[in-house]
Structure formats: C-alpha cells, structure tokens
Amino acid sequence: MTLAHVSLGKIALWAANVAITVFFAVDPTVKVAIIAGSALVLTNVPAIIIAVLNRKAVEKMSINVDGNLKRLLDEKVTAASEHVVTSEKLAHAEGVREGSDAERARDKQ
C-alpha cells in the first residue's frame, strides 16, 4: 500500500509538472501559472500527509516485529536445550537397553 501511494504520487507530480510546463509555454501569464500550480499543491499535500502517517505505522510495526522476533528466538533456544536434554536421556536409555540385551544374550548361552 505504501509503495502504491508513493508511486501514484510521483506519477501525479510528474504529470502536473508536464501540464504546468505546457500551460506556461502556451500562455505565460500569472493566472495560468497559479491554476497549474494549484494541481501540485493538491497532489503534494495529501502525499505528504500519507507519508507521515505511513512513517508512524512503519515505526510501530518495526517495534512489534522486533519484540516478536526476540520472543520467538528465545523460545527456539529453550526448545533446543530441551531437545538436547531429551536426546541425552534417550541415548542413555538406549545404552542401558543394549547392555541389558547383551546380559540376557550372555545368560542364555
């Protein structure tokens, strides 16, 4: 949405500049310059307002994203440490099982 507004504003300003140049070239009076210049004012003021509002929204969004990213990274680190502990327990249990299987095999012989 932001890129569309900025692009539309740039296109409108470019078109207004071309129109002002053409109008002024055809009739170089003050009336034409004022009428043509009003188009620039009418397109620039809303573009500036939208840019200011979008800037505030982007700042809020970046703060929210940074907080969420930190929370997610902390959760992943905690989960990784839990997986390490679980894998160590499973490796120990597998070793104990292999040891008991070896003892049973020795007892059967």
PDB file of N, CA and C in Angstrom:
ATOM      1  N   MET A   1       0.821  -1.184   0.000  1.00  0.00           N
ATOM      2  CA  MET A   1       0.000   0.000   0.000  1.00  0.00           C
ATOM      3  C   MET A   1       0.872   1.258   0.000  1.00  0.00           C
ATOM      4  N   THR A   2       1.921   1.260   0.738  1.00  0.00           N
ATOM      5  CA  THR A   2       2.793   2.423   0.807  1.00  0.00           C
ATOM      6  C   THR A   2       3.452   2.684  -0.542  1.00  0.00           C
ATOM      7  N   LEU A   3       3.971   1.618  -1.154  1.00  0.00           N
ATOM      8  CA  LEU A   3       4.632   1.770  -2.440  1.00  0.00           C
ATOM      9  C   LEU A   3       3.658   2.275  -3.497  1.00  0.00           C
ATOM     10  N   ALA A   4       2.415   1.797  -3.452  1.00  0.00           N
ATOM     11  CA  ALA A   4       1.413   2.241  -4.421  1.00  0.00           C
ATOM     12  C   ALA A   4       1.117   3.729  -4.249  1.00  0.00           C
ATOM     13  N   HIS A   5       1.005   4.182  -2.997  1.00  0.00           N
ATOM     14  CA  HIS A   5       0.736   5.599  -2.764  1.00  0.00           C
ATOM     15  C   HIS A   5       1.896   6.470  -3.231  1.00  0.00           C
ATOM     16  N   VAL A   6       3.094   6.046  -2.930  1.00  0.00           N
ATOM     17  CA  VAL A   6       4.267   6.823  -3.331  1.00  0.00           C
ATOM     18  C   VAL A   6       4.382   6.855  -4.844  1.00  0.00           C
ATOM     19  N   SER A   7       4.176   5.711  -5.480  1.00  0.00           N
ATOM     20  CA  SER A   7       4.260   5.653  -6.944  1.00  0.00           C
ATOM     21  C   SER A   7       3.186   6.519  -7.586  1.00  0.00           C
ATOM     22  N   LEU A   8       1.971   6.434  -7.056  1.00  0.00           N
ATOM     23  CA  LEU A   8       0.879   7.241  -7.599  1.00  0.00           C
ATOM     24  C   LEU A   8       1.173   8.726  -7.414  1.00  0.00           C
ATOM     25  N   GLY A   9       1.728   9.091  -6.261  1.00  0.00           N
ATOM     26  CA  GLY A   9       2.078  10.492  -6.022  1.00  0.00           C
ATOM     27  C   GLY A   9       3.146  10.984  -6.975  1.00  0.00           C
ATOM     28  N   LYS A  10       4.154  10.148  -7.218  1.00  0.00           N
ATOM     29  CA  LYS A  10       5.220  10.548  -8.147  1.00  0.00           C
ATOM     30  C   LYS A  10       4.680  10.706  -9.564  1.00  0.00           C
ATOM     31  N   ILE A  11       3.815   9.803  -9.973  1.00  0.00           N
ATOM     32  CA  ILE A  11       3.232   9.899 -11.319  1.00  0.00           C
ATOM     33  C   ILE A  11       2.382  11.157 -11.443  1.00  0.00           C
ATOM     34  N   ALA A  12       1.589  11.441 -10.400  1.00  0.00           N
ATOM     35  CA  ALA A  12       0.740  12.637 -10.429  1.00  0.00           C
ATOM     36  C   ALA A  12       1.585  13.901 -10.476  1.00  0.00           C
ATOM     37  N   LEU A  13       2.657  13.933  -9.699  1.00  0.00           N
ATOM     38  CA  LEU A  13       3.524  15.115  -9.704  1.00  0.00           C
ATOM     39  C   LEU A  13       4.215  15.284 -11.054  1.00  0.00           C
ATOM     40  N   TRP A  14       4.650  14.199 -11.638  1.00  0.00           N
ATOM     41  CA  TRP A  14       5.301  14.277 -12.950  1.00  0.00           C
ATOM     42  C   TRP A  14       4.322  14.795 -13.997  1.00  0.00           C
ATOM     43  N   ALA A  15       3.097  14.267 -13.968  1.00  0.00           N
ATOM     44  CA  ALA A  15       2.077  14.706 -14.926  1.00  0.00           C
ATOM     45  C   ALA A  15       1.735  16.185 -14.701  1.00  0.00           C
ATOM     46  N   ALA A  16       1.646  16.604 -13.436  1.00  0.00           N
ATOM     47  CA  ALA A  16       1.336  18.007 -13.151  1.00  0.00           C
ATOM     48  C   ALA A  16       2.464  18.917 -13.633  1.00  0.00           C
ATOM     49  N   ASN A  17       3.698  18.501 -13.454  1.00  0.00           N
ATOM     50  CA  ASN A  17       4.824  19.306 -13.932  1.00  0.00           C
ATOM     51  C   ASN A  17       4.802  19.444 -15.449  1.00  0.00           C
ATOM     52  N   VAL A  18       4.483  18.367 -16.126  1.00  0.00           N
ATOM     53  CA  VAL A  18       4.391  18.431 -17.588  1.00  0.00           C
ATOM     54  C   VAL A  18       3.263  19.369 -18.002  1.00  0.00           C
ATOM     55  N   ALA A  19       2.121  19.252 -17.308  1.00  0.00           N
ATOM     56  CA  ALA A  19       0.983  20.113 -17.634  1.00  0.00           C
ATOM     57  C   ALA A  19       1.310  21.586 -17.368  1.00  0.00           C
ATOM     58  N   ILE A  20       1.992  21.873 -16.264  1.00  0.00           N
ATOM     59  CA  ILE A  20       2.361  23.257 -15.954  1.00  0.00           C
ATOM     60  C   ILE A  20       3.304  23.810 -17.014  1.00  0.00           C
ATOM     61  N   THR A  21       4.250  22.999 -17.426  1.00  0.00           N
ATOM     62  CA  THR A  21       5.198  23.440 -18.452  1.00  0.00           C
ATOM     63  C   THR A  21       4.486  23.751 -19.761  1.00  0.00           C
ATOM     64  N   VAL A  22       3.561  22.871 -20.133  1.00  0.00           N
ATOM     65  CA  VAL A  22       2.815  23.086 -21.378  1.00  0.00           C
ATOM     66  C   VAL A  22       1.941  24.327 -21.270  1.00  0.00           C
ATOM     67  N   PHE A  23       1.191  24.471 -20.158  1.00  0.00           N
ATOM     68  CA  PHE A  23       0.326  25.637 -19.982  1.00  0.00           C
ATOM     69  C   PHE A  23       1.127  26.932 -19.991  1.00  0.00           C
ATOM     70  N   PHE A  24       2.244  26.938 -19.301  1.00  0.00           N
ATOM     71  CA  PHE A  24       3.051  28.143 -19.224  1.00  0.00           C
ATOM     72  C   PHE A  24       3.673  28.469 -20.577  1.00  0.00           C
ATOM     73  N   ALA A  25       4.038  27.442 -21.351  1.00  0.00           N
ATOM     74  CA  ALA A  25       4.618  27.674 -22.672  1.00  0.00           C
ATOM     75  C   ALA A  25       3.580  28.263 -23.622  1.00  0.00           C
ATOM     76  N   VAL A  26       2.324  27.853 -23.471  1.00  0.00           N
ATOM     77  CA  VAL A  26       1.270  28.342 -24.356  1.00  0.00           C
ATOM     78  C   VAL A  26       0.856  29.763 -23.968  1.00  0.00           C
ATOM     79  N   ASP A  27       0.670  30.024 -22.661  1.00  0.00           N
ATOM     80  CA  ASP A  27       0.219  31.333 -22.209  1.00  0.00           C
ATOM     81  C   ASP A  27       0.978  31.726 -20.942  1.00  0.00           C
ATOM     82  N   PRO A  28       2.073  32.447 -21.063  1.00  0.00           N
ATOM     83  CA  PRO A  28       2.914  32.742 -19.898  1.00  0.00           C
ATOM     84  C   PRO A  28       2.368  33.885 -19.034  1.00  0.00           C
ATOM     85  N   THR A  29       1.177  33.724 -18.520  1.00  0.00           N
ATOM     86  CA  THR A  29       0.634  34.731 -17.607  1.00  0.00           C
ATOM     87  C   THR A  29       0.585  34.152 -16.202  1.00  0.00           C
ATOM     88  N   VAL A  30       0.367  35.014 -15.264  1.00  0.00           N
ATOM     89  CA  VAL A  30       0.352  34.598 -13.873  1.00  0.00           C
ATOM     90  C   VAL A  30      -0.864  33.722 -13.580  1.00  0.00           C
ATOM     91  N   LYS A  31      -1.998  34.020 -14.216  1.00  0.00           N
ATOM     92  CA  LYS A  31      -3.210  33.223 -13.986  1.00  0.00           C
ATOM     93  C   LYS A  31      -2.972  31.752 -14.305  1.00  0.00           C
ATOM     94  N   VAL A  32      -2.355  31.490 -15.428  1.00  0.00           N
ATOM     95  CA  VAL A  32      -2.117  30.103 -15.839  1.00  0.00           C
ATOM     96  C   VAL A  32      -1.157  29.425 -14.874  1.00  0.00           C
ATOM     97  N   ALA A  33      -0.142  30.141 -14.442  1.00  0.00           N
ATOM     98  CA  ALA A  33       0.825  29.564 -13.508  1.00  0.00           C
ATOM     99  C   ALA A  33       0.149  29.232 -12.178  1.00  0.00           C
ATOM    100  N   ILE A  34      -0.732  30.096 -11.707  1.00  0.00           N
ATOM    101  CA  ILE A  34      -1.438  29.839 -10.449  1.00  0.00           C
ATOM    102  C   ILE A  34      -2.379  28.654 -10.599  1.00  0.00           C
ATOM    103  N   ILE A  35      -3.121  28.610 -11.681  1.00  0.00           N
ATOM    104  CA  ILE A  35      -4.054  27.494 -11.897  1.00  0.00           C
ATOM    105  C   ILE A  35      -3.293  26.183 -12.027  1.00  0.00           C
ATOM    106  N   ALA A  36      -2.226  26.183 -12.777  1.00  0.00           N
ATOM    107  CA  ALA A  36      -1.443  24.966 -12.961  1.00  0.00           C
ATOM    108  C   ALA A  36      -0.718  24.580 -11.675  1.00  0.00           C
ATOM    109  N   GLY A  37      -0.254  25.555 -10.921  1.00  0.00           N
ATOM    110  CA  GLY A  37       0.448  25.281  -9.671  1.00  0.00           C
ATOM    111  C   GLY A  37      -0.469  24.721  -8.596  1.00  0.00           C
ATOM    112  N   SER A  38      -1.746  25.034  -8.663  1.00  0.00           N
ATOM    113  CA  SER A  38      -2.681  24.503  -7.669  1.00  0.00           C
ATOM    114  C   SER A  38      -2.782  22.977  -7.760  1.00  0.00           C
ATOM    115  N   ALA A  39      -2.566  22.426  -8.937  1.00  0.00           N
ATOM    116  CA  ALA A  39      -2.591  20.959  -9.076  1.00  0.00           C
ATOM    117  C   ALA A  39      -1.455  20.335  -8.274  1.00  0.00           C
ATOM    118  N   LEU A  40      -0.299  20.981  -8.286  1.00  0.00           N
ATOM    119  CA  LEU A  40       0.821  20.476  -7.492  1.00  0.00           C
ATOM    120  C   LEU A  40       0.511  20.518  -6.007  1.00  0.00           C
ATOM    121  N   VAL A  41      -0.094  21.597  -5.570  1.00  0.00           N
ATOM    122  CA  VAL A  41      -0.432  21.718  -4.147  1.00  0.00           C
ATOM    123  C   VAL A  41      -1.451  20.659  -3.766  1.00  0.00           C
ATOM    124  N   LEU A  42      -2.443  20.455  -4.609  1.00  0.00           N
ATOM    125  CA  LEU A  42      -3.493  19.475  -4.307  1.00  0.00           C
ATOM    126  C   LEU A  42      -2.967  18.044  -4.293  1.00  0.00           C
ATOM    127  N   THR A  43      -1.922  17.749  -5.044  1.00  0.00           N
ATOM    128  CA  THR A  43      -1.368  16.392  -5.019  1.00  0.00           C
ATOM    129  C   THR A  43      -0.272  16.237  -3.975  1.00  0.00           C
ATOM    130  N   ASN A  44       0.450  17.316  -3.672  1.00  0.00           N
ATOM    131  CA  ASN A  44       1.549  17.216  -2.705  1.00  0.00           C
ATOM    132  C   ASN A  44       1.076  17.124  -1.267  1.00  0.00           C
ATOM    133  N   VAL A  45       0.075  17.884  -0.904  1.00  0.00           N
ATOM    134  CA  VAL A  45      -0.370  17.897   0.490  1.00  0.00           C
ATOM    135  C   VAL A  45      -0.866  16.514   0.925  1.00  0.00           C
ATOM    136  N   PRO A  46      -1.761  15.855   0.182  1.00  0.00           N
ATOM    137  CA  PRO A  46      -2.156  14.501   0.603  1.00  0.00           C
ATOM    138  C   PRO A  46      -0.985  13.510   0.587  1.00  0.00           C
ATOM    139  N   ALA A  47      -0.066  13.685  -0.365  1.00  0.00           N
ATOM    140  CA  ALA A  47       1.087  12.778  -0.411  1.00  0.00           C
ATOM    141  C   ALA A  47       1.953  12.948   0.828  1.00  0.00           C
ATOM    142  N   ILE A  48       2.135  14.167   1.282  1.00  0.00           N
ATOM    143  CA  ILE A  48       2.926  14.415   2.493  1.00  0.00           C
ATOM    144  C   ILE A  48       2.212  13.849   3.716  1.00  0.00           C
ATOM    145  N   ILE A  49       0.908  14.039   3.795  1.00  0.00           N
ATOM    146  CA  ILE A  49       0.136  13.503   4.929  1.00  0.00           C
ATOM    147  C   ILE A  49       0.231  11.982   4.957  1.00  0.00           C
ATOM    148  N   ILE A  50       0.069  11.343   3.809  1.00  0.00           N
ATOM    149  CA  ILE A  50       0.153   9.870   3.733  1.00  0.00           C
ATOM    150  C   ILE A  50       1.551   9.400   4.119  1.00  0.00           C
ATOM    151  N   ALA A  51       2.576  10.110   3.680  1.00  0.00           N
ATOM    152  CA  ALA A  51       3.950   9.711   4.016  1.00  0.00           C
ATOM    153  C   ALA A  51       4.190   9.798   5.514  1.00  0.00           C
ATOM    154  N   VAL A  52       3.693  10.849   6.161  1.00  0.00           N
ATOM    155  CA  VAL A  52       3.875  10.981   7.609  1.00  0.00           C
ATOM    156  C   VAL A  52       3.131   9.875   8.347  1.00  0.00           C
ATOM    157  N   LEU A  53       1.894   9.601   7.940  1.00  0.00           N
ATOM    158  CA  LEU A  53       1.117   8.543   8.593  1.00  0.00           C
ATOM    159  C   LEU A  53       1.760   7.176   8.398  1.00  0.00           C
ATOM    160  N   ASN A  54       2.255   6.901   7.204  1.00  0.00           N
ATOM    161  CA  ASN A  54       2.907   5.619   6.940  1.00  0.00           C
ATOM    162  C   ASN A  54       4.195   5.476   7.730  1.00  0.00           C
ATOM    163  N   ARG A  55       4.903   6.574   7.929  1.00  0.00           N
ATOM    164  CA  ARG A  55       6.147   6.515   8.694  1.00  0.00           C
ATOM    165  C   ARG A  55       5.870   6.107  10.137  1.00  0.00           C
ATOM    166  N   LYS A  56       4.808   6.671  10.722  1.00  0.00           N
ATOM    167  CA  LYS A  56       4.448   6.309  12.091  1.00  0.00           C
ATOM    168  C   LYS A  56       4.023   4.843  12.156  1.00  0.00           C
ATOM    169  N   ALA A  57       3.267   4.382  11.160  1.00  0.00           N
ATOM    170  CA  ALA A  57       2.821   2.992  11.142  1.00  0.00           C
ATOM    171  C   ALA A  57       4.001   2.043  10.996  1.00  0.00           C
ATOM    172  N   VAL A  58       4.982   2.407  10.181  1.00  0.00           N
ATOM    173  CA  VAL A  58       6.155   1.555   9.983  1.00  0.00           C
ATOM    174  C   VAL A  58       6.980   1.476  11.260  1.00  0.00           C
ATOM    175  N   GLU A  59       7.102   2.593  11.994  1.00  0.00           N
ATOM    176  CA  GLU A  59       7.841   2.567  13.254  1.00  0.00           C
ATOM    177  C   GLU A  59       7.168   1.644  14.256  1.00  0.00           C
ATOM    178  N   LYS A  60       5.839   1.713  14.359  1.00  0.00           N
ATOM    179  CA  LYS A  60       5.111   0.829  15.270  1.00  0.00           C
ATOM    180  C   LYS A  60       5.287  -0.620  14.848  1.00  0.00           C
ATOM    181  N   MET A  61       5.235  -0.863  13.547  1.00  0.00           N
ATOM    182  CA  MET A  61       5.352  -2.225  13.041  1.00  0.00           C
ATOM    183  C   MET A  61       6.738  -2.792  13.311  1.00  0.00           C
ATOM    184  N   SER A  62       7.769  -1.981  13.145  1.00  0.00           N
ATOM    185  CA  SER A  62       9.124  -2.486  13.365  1.00  0.00           C
ATOM    186  C   SER A  62       9.343  -2.817  14.831  1.00  0.00           C
ATOM    187  N   ILE A  63       8.781  -2.018  15.739  1.00  0.00           N
ATOM    188  CA  ILE A  63       8.903  -2.325  17.165  1.00  0.00           C
ATOM    189  C   ILE A  63       8.198  -3.640  17.465  1.00  0.00           C
ATOM    190  N   ASN A  64       7.021  -3.832  16.915  1.00  0.00           N
ATOM    191  CA  ASN A  64       6.255  -5.051  17.145  1.00  0.00           C
ATOM    192  C   ASN A  64       6.990  -6.262  16.585  1.00  0.00           C
ATOM    193  N   VAL A  65       7.553  -6.128  15.395  1.00  0.00           N
ATOM    194  CA  VAL A  65       8.268  -7.241  14.771  1.00  0.00           C
ATOM    195  C   VAL A  65       9.516  -7.592  15.573  1.00  0.00           C
ATOM    196  N   ASP A  66      10.247  -6.574  16.034  1.00  0.00           N
ATOM    197  CA  ASP A  66      11.455  -6.836  16.815  1.00  0.00           C
ATOM    198  C   ASP A  66      11.123  -7.574  18.102  1.00  0.00           C
ATOM    199  N   GLY A  67      10.063  -7.173  18.775  1.00  0.00           N
ATOM    200  CA  GLY A  67       9.659  -7.854  20.005  1.00  0.00           C
ATOM    201  C   GLY A  67       9.257  -9.290  19.750  1.00  0.00           C
ATOM    202  N   ASN A  68       8.495  -9.509  18.674  1.00  0.00           N
ATOM    203  CA  ASN A  68       8.083 -10.868  18.335  1.00  0.00           C
ATOM    204  C   ASN A  68       9.277 -11.727  17.950  1.00  0.00           C
ATOM    205  N   LEU A  69      10.218 -11.166  17.226  1.00  0.00           N
ATOM    206  CA  LEU A  69      11.397 -11.924  16.808  1.00  0.00           C
ATOM    207  C   LEU A  69      12.215 -12.345  18.018  1.00  0.00           C
ATOM    208  N   LYS A  70      12.396 -11.440  18.971  1.00  0.00           N
ATOM    209  CA  LYS A  70      13.155 -11.774  20.179  1.00  0.00           C
ATOM    210  C   LYS A  70      12.450 -12.881  20.960  1.00  0.00           C
ATOM    211  N   ARG A  71      11.136 -12.794  21.069  1.00  0.00           N
ATOM    212  CA  ARG A  71      10.373 -13.816  21.787  1.00  0.00           C
ATOM    213  C   ARG A  71      10.499 -15.168  21.083  1.00  0.00           C
ATOM    214  N   LEU A  72      10.385 -15.172  19.762  1.00  0.00           N
ATOM    215  CA  LEU A  72      10.495 -16.429  19.015  1.00  0.00           C
ATOM    216  C   LEU A  72      11.892 -17.038  19.141  1.00  0.00           C
ATOM    217  N   LEU A  73      12.919 -16.204  19.081  1.00  0.00           N
ATOM    218  CA  LEU A  73      14.283 -16.715  19.215  1.00  0.00           C
ATOM    219  C   LEU A  73      14.508 -17.297  20.607  1.00  0.00           C
ATOM    220  N   ASP A  74      13.984 -16.638  21.627  1.00  0.00           N
ATOM    221  CA  ASP A  74      14.108 -17.175  22.986  1.00  0.00           C
ATOM    222  C   ASP A  74      13.411 -18.521  23.110  1.00  0.00           C
ATOM    223  N   GLU A  75      12.226 -18.646  22.499  1.00  0.00           N
ATOM    224  CA  GLU A  75      11.500 -19.928  22.538  1.00  0.00           C
ATOM    225  C   GLU A  75      12.294 -21.018  21.833  1.00  0.00           C
ATOM    226  N   LYS A  76      12.909 -20.678  20.708  1.00  0.00           N
ATOM    227  CA  LYS A  76      13.677 -21.675  19.953  1.00  0.00           C
ATOM    228  C   LYS A  76      14.913 -22.131  20.738  1.00  0.00           C
ATOM    229  N   VAL A  77      15.572 -21.203  21.416  1.00  0.00           N
ATOM    230  CA  VAL A  77      16.739 -21.573  22.223  1.00  0.00           C
ATOM    231  C   VAL A  77      16.326 -22.491  23.358  1.00  0.00           C
ATOM    232  N   THR A  78      15.205 -22.176  24.008  1.00  0.00           N
ATOM    233  CA  THR A  78      14.702 -23.019  25.090  1.00  0.00           C
ATOM    234  C   THR A  78      14.340 -24.400  24.567  1.00  0.00           C
ATOM    235  N   ALA A  79      13.653 -24.451  23.431  1.00  0.00           N
ATOM    236  CA  ALA A  79      13.273 -25.735  22.850  1.00  0.00           C
ATOM    237  C   ALA A  79      14.507 -26.541  22.460  1.00  0.00           C
ATOM    238  N   ALA A  80      15.528 -25.879  21.932  1.00  0.00           N
ATOM    239  CA  ALA A  80      16.747 -26.588  21.539  1.00  0.00           C
ATOM    240  C   ALA A  80      17.436 -27.198  22.759  1.00  0.00           C
ATOM    241  N   SER A  81      17.489 -26.449  23.862  1.00  0.00           N
ATOM    242  CA  SER A  81      18.124 -27.005  25.057  1.00  0.00           C
ATOM    243  C   SER A  81      17.312 -28.174  25.612  1.00  0.00           C
ATOM    244  N   GLU A  82      15.992 -28.100  25.521  1.00  0.00           N
ATOM    245  CA  GLU A  82      15.150 -29.227  25.949  1.00  0.00           C
ATOM    246  C   GLU A  82      15.385 -30.451  25.067  1.00  0.00           C
ATOM    247  N   HIS A  83      15.570 -30.230  23.770  1.00  0.00           N
ATOM    248  CA  HIS A  83      15.837 -31.351  22.859  1.00  0.00           C
ATOM    249  C   HIS A  83      17.180 -32.001  23.171  1.00  0.00           C
ATOM    250  N   VAL A  84      18.164 -31.211  23.549  1.00  0.00           N
ATOM    251  CA  VAL A  84      19.471 -31.769  23.897  1.00  0.00           C
ATOM    252  C   VAL A  84      19.338 -32.667  25.121  1.00  0.00           C
ATOM    253  N   VAL A  85      18.618 -32.194  26.130  1.00  0.00           N
ATOM    254  CA  VAL A  85      18.431 -32.982  27.347  1.00  0.00           C
ATOM    255  C   VAL A  85      17.682 -34.276  27.027  1.00  0.00           C
ATOM    256  N   THR A  86      16.636 -34.177  26.224  1.00  0.00           N
ATOM    257  CA  THR A  86      15.856 -35.357  25.859  1.00  0.00           C
ATOM    258  C   THR A  86      16.694 -36.350  25.066  1.00  0.00           C
ATOM    259  N   SER A  87      17.502 -35.852  24.130  1.00  0.00           N
ATOM    260  CA  SER A  87      18.329 -36.766  23.335  1.00  0.00           C
ATOM    261  C   SER A  87      19.384 -37.453  24.211  1.00  0.00           C
ATOM    262  N   GLU A  88      19.914 -36.748  25.206  1.00  0.00           N
ATOM    263  CA  GLU A  88      20.872 -37.379  26.123  1.00  0.00           C
ATOM    264  C   GLU A  88      20.197 -38.480  26.938  1.00  0.00           C
ATOM    265  N   LYS A  89      18.964 -38.242  27.400  1.00  0.00           N
ATOM    266  CA  LYS A  89      18.233 -39.260  28.152  1.00  0.00           C
ATOM    267  C   LYS A  89      17.950 -40.477  27.277  1.00  0.00           C
ATOM    268  N   LEU A  90      17.556 -40.226  26.016  1.00  0.00           N
ATOM    269  CA  LEU A  90      17.277 -41.336  25.105  1.00  0.00           C
ATOM    270  C   LEU A  90      18.543 -42.131  24.798  1.00  0.00           C
ATOM    271  N   ALA A  91      19.656 -41.450  24.624  1.00  0.00           N
ATOM    272  CA  ALA A  91      20.913 -42.154  24.359  1.00  0.00           C
ATOM    273  C   ALA A  91      21.298 -43.008  25.562  1.00  0.00           C
ATOM    274  N   HIS A  92      21.114 -42.484  26.761  1.00  0.00           N
ATOM    275  CA  HIS A  92      21.415 -43.249  27.967  1.00  0.00           C
ATOM    276  C   HIS A  92      20.488 -44.469  28.067  1.00  0.00           C
ATOM    277  N   ALA A  93      19.197 -44.272  27.791  1.00  0.00           N
ATOM    278  CA  ALA A  93      18.244 -45.380  27.859  1.00  0.00           C
ATOM    279  C   ALA A  93      18.578 -46.447  26.820  1.00  0.00           C
ATOM    280  N   GLU A  94      18.994 -46.014  25.639  1.00  0.00           N
ATOM    281  CA  GLU A  94      19.360 -46.974  24.599  1.00  0.00           C
ATOM    282  C   GLU A  94      20.601 -47.763  25.012  1.00  0.00           C
ATOM    283  N   GLY A  95      21.557 -47.087  25.624  1.00  0.00           N
ATOM    284  CA  GLY A  95      22.755 -47.780  26.110  1.00  0.00           C
ATOM    285  C   GLY A  95      22.425 -48.790  27.199  1.00  0.00           C
ATOM    286  N   VAL A  96      21.527 -48.415  28.107  1.00  0.00           N
ATOM    287  CA  VAL A  96      21.113 -49.334  29.173  1.00  0.00           C
ATOM    288  C   VAL A  96      20.410 -50.541  28.569  1.00  0.00           C
ATOM    289  N   ARG A  97      19.548 -50.317  27.591  1.00  0.00           N
ATOM    290  CA  ARG A  97      18.830 -51.412  26.947  1.00  0.00           C
ATOM    291  C   ARG A  97      19.782 -52.355  26.224  1.00  0.00           C
ATOM    292  N   GLU A  98      20.742 -51.767  25.510  1.00  0.00           N
ATOM    293  CA  GLU A  98      21.716 -52.598  24.821  1.00  0.00           C
ATOM    294  C   GLU A  98      22.532 -53.417  25.821  1.00  0.00           C
ATOM    295  N   GLY A  99      22.855 -52.800  26.956  1.00  0.00           N
ATOM    296  CA  GLY A  99      23.596 -53.521  27.988  1.00  0.00           C
ATOM    297  C   GLY A  99      22.779 -54.664  28.564  1.00  0.00           C
ATOM    298  N   SER A 100      21.492 -54.418  28.820  1.00  0.00           N
ATOM    299  CA  SER A 100      20.654 -55.491  29.368  1.00  0.00           C
ATOM    300  C   SER A 100      20.402 -56.578  28.321  1.00  0.00           C
ATOM    301  N   ASP A 101      20.280 -56.200  27.063  1.00  0.00           N
ATOM    302  CA  ASP A 101      20.119 -57.206  25.998  1.00  0.00           C
ATOM    303  C   ASP A 101      21.375 -58.075  25.890  1.00  0.00           C
ATOM    304  N   ALA A 102      22.534 -57.447  26.044  1.00  0.00           N
ATOM    305  CA  ALA A 102      23.798 -58.197  25.972  1.00  0.00           C
ATOM    306  C   ALA A 102      23.895 -59.151  27.164  1.00  0.00           C
ATOM    307  N   GLU A 103      23.458 -58.705  28.352  1.00  0.00           N
ATOM    308  CA  GLU A 103      23.484 -59.580  29.519  1.00  0.00           C
ATOM    309  C   GLU A 103      22.527 -60.772  29.342  1.00  0.00           C
ATOM    310  N   ARG A 104      21.359 -60.533  28.795  1.00  0.00           N
ATOM    311  CA  ARG A 104      20.392 -61.621  28.559  1.00  0.00           C
ATOM    312  C   ARG A 104      20.949 -62.600  27.544  1.00  0.00           C
ATOM    313  N   ALA A 105      21.581 -62.080  26.504  1.00  0.00           N
ATOM    314  CA  ALA A 105      22.155 -62.960  25.498  1.00  0.00           C
ATOM    315  C   ALA A 105      23.270 -63.800  26.102  1.00  0.00           C
ATOM    316  N   ARG A 106      24.064 -63.231  27.005  1.00  0.00           N
ATOM    317  CA  ARG A 106      25.136 -63.949  27.654  1.00  0.00           C
ATOM    318  C   ARG A 106      24.561 -65.009  28.608  1.00  0.00           C
ATOM    319  N   ASP A 107      23.467 -64.662  29.305  1.00  0.00           N
ATOM    320  CA  ASP A 107      22.849 -65.612  30.241  1.00  0.00           C
ATOM    321  C   ASP A 107      22.235 -66.802  29.491  1.00  0.00           C
ATOM    322  N   LYS A 108      21.707 -66.590  28.292  1.00  0.00           N
ATOM    323  CA  LYS A 108      21.102 -67.685  27.532  1.00  0.00           C
ATOM    324  C   LYS A 108      22.163 -68.635  27.046  1.00  0.00           C
ATOM    325  N   GLN A 109      23.382 -68.195  26.888  1.00  0.00           N
ATOM    326  CA  GLN A 109      24.421 -69.091  26.362  1.00  0.00           C
ATOM    327  C   GLN A 109      24.957 -69.954  27.417  1.00  0.00           C
TER     328      GLN A 109
END
